[in-house]
N, C-alpha and C. Protein backbone atom coordinates (compact mmCIF):
# COMPACT_ATOMS: atom_id res chain seq x y z
N MET A 1 -35.19 -92.90 -35.09
CA MET A 1 -34.33 -93.09 -36.24
C MET A 1 -33.87 -94.55 -36.26
N GLY A 2 -33.91 -95.15 -37.43
CA GLY A 2 -33.47 -96.53 -37.59
C GLY A 2 -31.95 -96.65 -37.50
N LEU A 3 -31.47 -97.86 -37.50
CA LEU A 3 -30.03 -98.10 -37.37
C LEU A 3 -29.23 -97.68 -38.59
N GLU A 4 -29.78 -97.86 -39.78
CA GLU A 4 -28.99 -97.55 -40.98
C GLU A 4 -28.46 -96.13 -40.98
N PRO A 5 -29.29 -95.11 -40.78
CA PRO A 5 -28.74 -93.75 -40.80
C PRO A 5 -27.75 -93.49 -39.65
N GLN A 6 -27.96 -94.15 -38.52
CA GLN A 6 -27.03 -93.99 -37.40
C GLN A 6 -25.67 -94.60 -37.72
N ILE A 7 -25.70 -95.80 -38.28
CA ILE A 7 -24.45 -96.47 -38.68
C ILE A 7 -23.74 -95.63 -39.73
N ARG A 8 -24.48 -95.19 -40.73
CA ARG A 8 -23.91 -94.39 -41.82
C ARG A 8 -23.26 -93.11 -41.28
N GLN A 9 -23.95 -92.40 -40.42
CA GLN A 9 -23.45 -91.14 -39.88
C GLN A 9 -22.15 -91.36 -39.09
N LYS A 10 -22.13 -92.36 -38.21
CA LYS A 10 -20.94 -92.62 -37.40
C LYS A 10 -19.73 -92.95 -38.28
N LEU A 11 -19.95 -93.79 -39.30
CA LEU A 11 -18.85 -94.20 -40.16
C LEU A 11 -18.37 -93.08 -41.08
N GLU A 12 -19.29 -92.27 -41.57
CA GLU A 12 -18.89 -91.13 -42.40
C GLU A 12 -18.07 -90.13 -41.58
N GLU A 13 -18.51 -89.88 -40.35
CA GLU A 13 -17.78 -88.95 -39.49
C GLU A 13 -16.38 -89.47 -39.15
N ALA A 14 -16.27 -90.75 -38.89
CA ALA A 14 -15.01 -91.33 -38.44
C ALA A 14 -14.00 -91.54 -39.56
N PHE A 15 -14.47 -91.89 -40.76
CA PHE A 15 -13.54 -92.33 -41.80
C PHE A 15 -13.60 -91.56 -43.12
N ALA A 16 -14.58 -90.70 -43.32
CA ALA A 16 -14.72 -89.98 -44.60
C ALA A 16 -14.51 -90.94 -45.77
N PRO A 17 -15.33 -91.99 -45.85
CA PRO A 17 -15.10 -93.02 -46.86
C PRO A 17 -15.35 -92.55 -48.29
N THR A 18 -14.64 -93.18 -49.21
CA THR A 18 -14.88 -92.93 -50.63
C THR A 18 -16.02 -93.82 -51.13
N ARG A 19 -16.28 -94.89 -50.40
CA ARG A 19 -17.40 -95.79 -50.69
C ARG A 19 -17.94 -96.29 -49.35
N LEU A 20 -19.26 -96.25 -49.21
CA LEU A 20 -19.89 -96.75 -48.00
C LEU A 20 -21.23 -97.38 -48.36
N GLU A 21 -21.35 -98.65 -48.04
CA GLU A 21 -22.61 -99.36 -48.21
C GLU A 21 -23.01 -99.92 -46.86
N VAL A 22 -24.22 -99.63 -46.44
CA VAL A 22 -24.77 -100.17 -45.19
C VAL A 22 -26.00 -100.98 -45.60
N ILE A 23 -25.88 -102.29 -45.49
CA ILE A 23 -26.89 -103.20 -46.03
C ILE A 23 -27.55 -103.98 -44.90
N ASN A 24 -28.85 -103.85 -44.82
CA ASN A 24 -29.62 -104.58 -43.82
C ASN A 24 -29.92 -105.97 -44.37
N GLU A 25 -29.35 -106.99 -43.75
CA GLU A 25 -29.56 -108.38 -44.18
C GLU A 25 -30.46 -109.15 -43.21
N SER A 26 -31.17 -108.45 -42.36
CA SER A 26 -31.99 -109.08 -41.33
C SER A 26 -33.04 -110.01 -41.91
N HIS A 27 -33.60 -109.63 -43.04
CA HIS A 27 -34.64 -110.47 -43.65
C HIS A 27 -34.12 -111.86 -44.03
N LEU A 28 -32.83 -111.97 -44.24
CA LEU A 28 -32.23 -113.26 -44.58
C LEU A 28 -32.12 -114.18 -43.37
N HIS A 29 -32.31 -113.63 -42.19
CA HIS A 29 -32.11 -114.37 -40.94
C HIS A 29 -33.38 -114.44 -40.10
N ALA A 30 -34.51 -114.10 -40.68
CA ALA A 30 -35.77 -114.13 -39.94
C ALA A 30 -36.02 -115.51 -39.36
N GLY A 31 -36.31 -115.55 -38.08
CA GLY A 31 -36.59 -116.81 -37.41
C GLY A 31 -35.35 -117.53 -36.91
N HIS A 32 -34.17 -117.05 -37.25
CA HIS A 32 -32.92 -117.68 -36.81
C HIS A 32 -32.49 -117.11 -35.46
N ALA A 33 -31.50 -117.71 -34.88
CA ALA A 33 -30.94 -117.20 -33.63
C ALA A 33 -30.45 -115.76 -33.85
N GLY A 34 -30.72 -114.93 -32.89
CA GLY A 34 -30.30 -113.55 -32.98
C GLY A 34 -31.31 -112.63 -33.64
N ASP A 35 -32.33 -113.19 -34.25
CA ASP A 35 -33.38 -112.37 -34.85
C ASP A 35 -34.29 -111.91 -33.72
N ASP A 36 -34.24 -110.62 -33.42
CA ASP A 36 -35.04 -110.09 -32.32
C ASP A 36 -36.39 -109.55 -32.77
N GLY A 37 -36.69 -109.71 -34.05
CA GLY A 37 -37.97 -109.25 -34.58
C GLY A 37 -37.98 -107.78 -34.98
N SER A 38 -36.89 -107.08 -34.75
CA SER A 38 -36.82 -105.64 -35.06
C SER A 38 -36.63 -105.38 -36.55
N GLY A 39 -36.12 -106.37 -37.27
CA GLY A 39 -35.78 -106.16 -38.67
C GLY A 39 -34.47 -105.42 -38.83
N GLU A 40 -33.71 -105.26 -37.74
CA GLU A 40 -32.44 -104.54 -37.77
C GLU A 40 -31.37 -105.27 -36.96
N SER A 41 -31.30 -106.58 -37.11
CA SER A 41 -30.38 -107.37 -36.29
C SER A 41 -29.11 -107.80 -37.03
N HIS A 42 -29.16 -107.88 -38.35
CA HIS A 42 -28.04 -108.40 -39.14
C HIS A 42 -27.66 -107.37 -40.21
N TRP A 43 -26.38 -106.97 -40.21
CA TRP A 43 -25.92 -105.91 -41.12
C TRP A 43 -24.64 -106.31 -41.83
N ARG A 44 -24.48 -105.79 -43.02
CA ARG A 44 -23.23 -105.89 -43.79
C ARG A 44 -22.81 -104.47 -44.13
N VAL A 45 -21.53 -104.16 -43.89
CA VAL A 45 -21.01 -102.84 -44.18
C VAL A 45 -19.79 -102.98 -45.08
N VAL A 46 -19.78 -102.22 -46.16
CA VAL A 46 -18.63 -102.17 -47.07
C VAL A 46 -18.11 -100.74 -47.01
N ILE A 47 -16.84 -100.61 -46.68
CA ILE A 47 -16.22 -99.28 -46.58
C ILE A 47 -14.89 -99.29 -47.32
N GLU A 48 -14.70 -98.29 -48.14
CA GLU A 48 -13.39 -97.99 -48.71
C GLU A 48 -13.02 -96.61 -48.20
N ALA A 49 -11.87 -96.53 -47.53
CA ALA A 49 -11.46 -95.25 -46.96
C ALA A 49 -9.94 -95.16 -46.89
N PRO A 50 -9.38 -94.01 -47.24
CA PRO A 50 -7.94 -93.82 -47.12
C PRO A 50 -7.46 -94.03 -45.68
N ALA A 51 -8.31 -93.79 -44.71
CA ALA A 51 -7.94 -93.95 -43.30
C ALA A 51 -7.50 -95.38 -42.98
N PHE A 52 -7.93 -96.34 -43.79
CA PHE A 52 -7.59 -97.74 -43.53
C PHE A 52 -6.26 -98.17 -44.15
N SER A 53 -5.65 -97.31 -44.95
CA SER A 53 -4.49 -97.73 -45.75
C SER A 53 -3.32 -98.26 -44.92
N ASP A 54 -3.07 -97.72 -43.76
CA ASP A 54 -1.94 -98.17 -42.95
C ASP A 54 -2.35 -99.06 -41.79
N MET A 55 -3.60 -99.52 -41.80
CA MET A 55 -4.10 -100.35 -40.70
C MET A 55 -4.13 -101.82 -41.09
N SER A 56 -3.86 -102.67 -40.11
CA SER A 56 -4.03 -104.11 -40.33
C SER A 56 -5.53 -104.42 -40.37
N ARG A 57 -5.85 -105.61 -40.80
CA ARG A 57 -7.25 -106.04 -40.85
C ARG A 57 -7.91 -105.94 -39.48
N ILE A 58 -7.22 -106.38 -38.47
CA ILE A 58 -7.77 -106.34 -37.11
C ILE A 58 -7.94 -104.90 -36.64
N ALA A 59 -6.98 -104.05 -36.93
CA ALA A 59 -7.07 -102.64 -36.54
C ALA A 59 -8.25 -101.96 -37.22
N ARG A 60 -8.52 -102.32 -38.47
CA ARG A 60 -9.67 -101.76 -39.19
C ARG A 60 -10.98 -102.15 -38.49
N HIS A 61 -11.09 -103.42 -38.16
CA HIS A 61 -12.29 -103.90 -37.49
C HIS A 61 -12.48 -103.21 -36.13
N ARG A 62 -11.39 -103.10 -35.39
CA ARG A 62 -11.46 -102.42 -34.08
C ARG A 62 -11.87 -100.96 -34.25
N ALA A 63 -11.35 -100.30 -35.28
CA ALA A 63 -11.68 -98.90 -35.52
C ALA A 63 -13.16 -98.72 -35.84
N VAL A 64 -13.70 -99.63 -36.64
CA VAL A 64 -15.13 -99.56 -36.97
C VAL A 64 -15.97 -99.78 -35.72
N HIS A 65 -15.62 -100.78 -34.93
CA HIS A 65 -16.36 -101.04 -33.70
C HIS A 65 -16.30 -99.83 -32.76
N ALA A 66 -15.14 -99.21 -32.65
CA ALA A 66 -14.99 -98.03 -31.80
C ALA A 66 -15.84 -96.87 -32.33
N ALA A 67 -15.86 -96.69 -33.65
CA ALA A 67 -16.64 -95.61 -34.25
C ALA A 67 -18.13 -95.80 -34.02
N LEU A 68 -18.59 -97.04 -34.12
CA LEU A 68 -20.02 -97.30 -33.92
C LEU A 68 -20.40 -97.16 -32.45
N GLY A 69 -19.52 -97.55 -31.56
CA GLY A 69 -19.78 -97.39 -30.14
C GLY A 69 -20.69 -98.45 -29.56
N PRO A 70 -20.69 -98.56 -28.24
CA PRO A 70 -21.44 -99.63 -27.57
C PRO A 70 -22.95 -99.53 -27.72
N ASP A 71 -23.48 -98.34 -27.87
CA ASP A 71 -24.94 -98.21 -28.00
C ASP A 71 -25.46 -98.84 -29.29
N ILE A 72 -24.77 -98.60 -30.38
CA ILE A 72 -25.18 -99.19 -31.66
C ILE A 72 -24.85 -100.68 -31.68
N LEU A 73 -23.66 -101.05 -31.25
CA LEU A 73 -23.25 -102.45 -31.29
C LEU A 73 -24.16 -103.33 -30.43
N ALA A 74 -24.68 -102.79 -29.36
CA ALA A 74 -25.57 -103.57 -28.49
C ALA A 74 -26.89 -103.92 -29.18
N ARG A 75 -27.23 -103.19 -30.22
CA ARG A 75 -28.49 -103.41 -30.94
C ARG A 75 -28.31 -104.30 -32.17
N ILE A 76 -27.08 -104.74 -32.43
CA ILE A 76 -26.78 -105.55 -33.61
C ILE A 76 -26.37 -106.95 -33.17
N HIS A 77 -26.98 -107.96 -33.80
CA HIS A 77 -26.59 -109.34 -33.51
C HIS A 77 -25.40 -109.76 -34.36
N ALA A 78 -25.39 -109.36 -35.64
CA ALA A 78 -24.33 -109.78 -36.56
C ALA A 78 -23.93 -108.58 -37.43
N LEU A 79 -22.62 -108.39 -37.55
CA LEU A 79 -22.09 -107.30 -38.35
C LEU A 79 -20.96 -107.84 -39.22
N ALA A 80 -21.22 -107.95 -40.52
CA ALA A 80 -20.20 -108.39 -41.48
C ALA A 80 -19.52 -107.16 -42.03
N LEU A 81 -18.19 -107.17 -42.02
CA LEU A 81 -17.42 -106.00 -42.45
C LEU A 81 -16.52 -106.33 -43.62
N ASP A 82 -16.58 -105.50 -44.66
CA ASP A 82 -15.68 -105.56 -45.79
C ASP A 82 -14.99 -104.21 -45.83
N LEU A 83 -13.75 -104.17 -45.34
CA LEU A 83 -13.04 -102.90 -45.13
C LEU A 83 -11.83 -102.84 -46.05
N ARG A 84 -11.79 -101.82 -46.89
CA ARG A 84 -10.70 -101.68 -47.87
C ARG A 84 -10.04 -100.33 -47.75
């Protein structure tokens, strides 16, 4: 299974988002540092979730990282987060 469905599943389970976009941007970084050739090294995630309403920006980022866990994060070079 590729990273996109794994990322999507973890975030849906953790936050029940009203909006979730998981965008693979690896093709934009081909040949750059961090490109491991997998085609799954650079990601952008947009999440809107009521669970974030009382969290600071840093707390939201920490929550997403915790939800994804070390196994998924170890396979990602860059993760851009837009959390609302």
